[in-house]
Amino acid sequence: MFTKPLSSDLPSTIDEAVNILLADLRLLDRTRMGSMTTEELDLVNQVVGLQITRDFRLWSGNELLLHACLKSMEDSGREDADPAMAIIQAMWEKLQETHVLRLVK
């Protein structure tokens, strides 16, 4: 699903992580994710959260991104979620602006 970044290409911000992930998503998958509810994001996290954690080394050397994710979760009141969820949430919010199908009259 996602291409694993090289260690020198590890993102240091949530926005950078989102951009890397979105670059690998097909248009159909972007549209599907943009149309999800917030509850459905937990399913996305269950499916790809561990891969995001591993690929971006959230618990094994990528301190900048880990701290950004923890801060984001704290700010949103979701302290019980794992750091990958902060990235998934940010990706969903970006897709809400750009890839939600709207009815045209």
Protein backbone atom coordinates (compact mmCIF):
# COMPACT_ATOMS: atom_id res chain seq x y z
CA MET A 1 0.00 0.00 0.00
CA PHE A 2 2.66 2.52 1.02
CA THR A 3 6.26 2.76 -0.14
CA LYS A 4 8.68 2.59 2.76
CA PRO A 5 10.78 5.77 3.00
CA LEU A 6 14.55 5.55 3.22
CA SER A 7 15.95 6.42 6.66
CA SER A 8 17.33 9.67 5.26
CA ASP A 9 13.85 10.52 3.95
CA LEU A 10 12.02 10.12 7.24
CA PRO A 11 9.50 12.89 7.81
CA SER A 12 9.98 15.13 10.81
CA THR A 13 6.49 16.68 10.76
CA ILE A 14 2.99 15.33 10.43
CA ASP A 15 2.52 17.29 7.19
CA GLU A 16 5.59 15.67 5.67
CA ALA A 17 4.33 12.22 6.70
CA VAL A 18 0.91 12.96 5.21
CA ASN A 19 2.45 14.10 1.93
CA ILE A 20 4.51 10.89 1.69
CA LEU A 21 1.44 8.74 2.33
CA LEU A 22 -0.79 10.66 -0.06
CA ALA A 23 1.80 10.35 -2.83
CA ASP A 24 1.31 6.56 -2.64
CA LEU A 25 -2.49 6.53 -2.57
CA ARG A 26 -4.52 6.05 -5.72
CA LEU A 27 -7.24 8.60 -6.46
CA LEU A 28 -9.93 6.06 -5.60
CA ASP A 29 -8.36 5.40 -2.19
CA ARG A 30 -8.00 9.13 -1.53
CA THR A 31 -11.68 9.65 -2.32
CA ARG A 32 -12.72 6.70 -0.16
CA MET A 33 -10.70 7.92 2.77
CA GLY A 34 -11.94 11.48 2.36
CA SER A 35 -15.51 10.17 2.54
CA MET A 36 -14.98 8.21 5.76
CA THR A 37 -16.44 9.16 9.10
CA THR A 38 -14.19 9.83 12.08
CA GLU A 39 -15.25 6.47 13.54
CA GLU A 40 -14.03 4.68 10.42
CA LEU A 41 -10.57 6.17 10.91
CA ASP A 42 -10.05 3.76 13.80
CA LEU A 43 -10.39 0.93 11.26
CA VAL A 44 -7.79 2.58 9.03
CA ASN A 45 -5.49 2.80 12.04
CA GLN A 46 -6.01 -0.89 12.80
CA VAL A 47 -5.11 -1.81 9.21
CA VAL A 48 -2.16 0.50 8.47
CA GLY A 49 -1.23 2.12 11.80
CA LEU A 50 1.47 -0.42 12.62
CA GLN A 51 2.99 -0.08 9.16
CA ILE A 52 3.07 3.72 9.49
CA THR A 53 4.66 3.36 12.92
CA ARG A 54 7.35 1.03 11.56
CA ASP A 55 8.02 2.83 8.27
CA PHE A 56 8.32 6.25 9.89
CA ARG A 57 10.14 4.81 12.94
CA LEU A 58 7.84 6.51 15.40
CA TRP A 59 9.12 4.47 18.35
CA SER A 60 12.61 3.76 17.06
CA GLY A 61 14.54 6.89 16.27
CA ASN A 62 12.23 9.48 14.71
CA GLU A 63 11.89 11.66 17.81
CA LEU A 64 10.76 14.78 15.94
CA LEU A 65 7.78 13.08 14.30
CA LEU A 66 6.91 11.14 17.45
CA HIS A 67 6.80 14.34 19.52
CA ALA A 68 4.73 16.10 16.84
CA CYS A 69 2.24 13.22 16.88
CA LEU A 70 2.04 13.13 20.67
CA LYS A 71 1.52 16.90 20.78
CA SER A 72 -1.20 16.70 18.12
CA MET A 73 -3.02 13.98 20.04
CA GLU A 74 -2.76 15.94 23.27
CA ASP A 75 -4.09 19.10 21.58
CA SER A 76 -7.07 17.20 20.14
CA GLY A 77 -7.86 15.42 23.39
CA ARG A 78 -7.07 11.96 21.96
CA GLU A 79 -4.31 11.02 24.35
CA ASP A 80 -5.38 7.35 24.26
CA ALA A 81 -4.71 6.95 20.51
CA ASP A 82 -1.35 5.87 19.17
CA PRO A 83 0.90 8.32 17.26
CA ALA A 84 0.06 6.82 13.87
CA MET A 85 -3.53 7.94 14.45
CA ALA A 86 -2.38 11.58 14.52
CA ILE A 87 -0.95 11.10 11.01
CA ILE A 88 -4.08 9.28 9.80
CA GLN A 89 -6.30 12.02 11.25
CA ALA A 90 -4.24 14.74 9.54
CA MET A 91 -4.36 12.86 6.25
CA TRP A 92 -8.15 12.50 6.54
CA GLU A 93 -8.54 16.21 7.32
CA LYS A 94 -6.51 17.11 4.24
CA LEU A 95 -8.58 14.76 2.09
CA GLN A 96 -11.77 16.29 3.49
CA GLU A 97 -10.73 19.53 1.77
CA THR A 98 -9.69 18.02 -1.54
CA HIS A 99 -11.19 14.58 -2.21
CA VAL A 100 -14.76 14.43 -0.94
CA LEU A 101 -17.35 13.78 -3.61
CA ARG A 102 -19.99 16.48 -3.62
CA LEU A 103 -23.33 16.53 -5.34
CA VAL A 104 -23.34 18.93 -8.29
CA LYS A 105 -26.72 20.31 -9.43
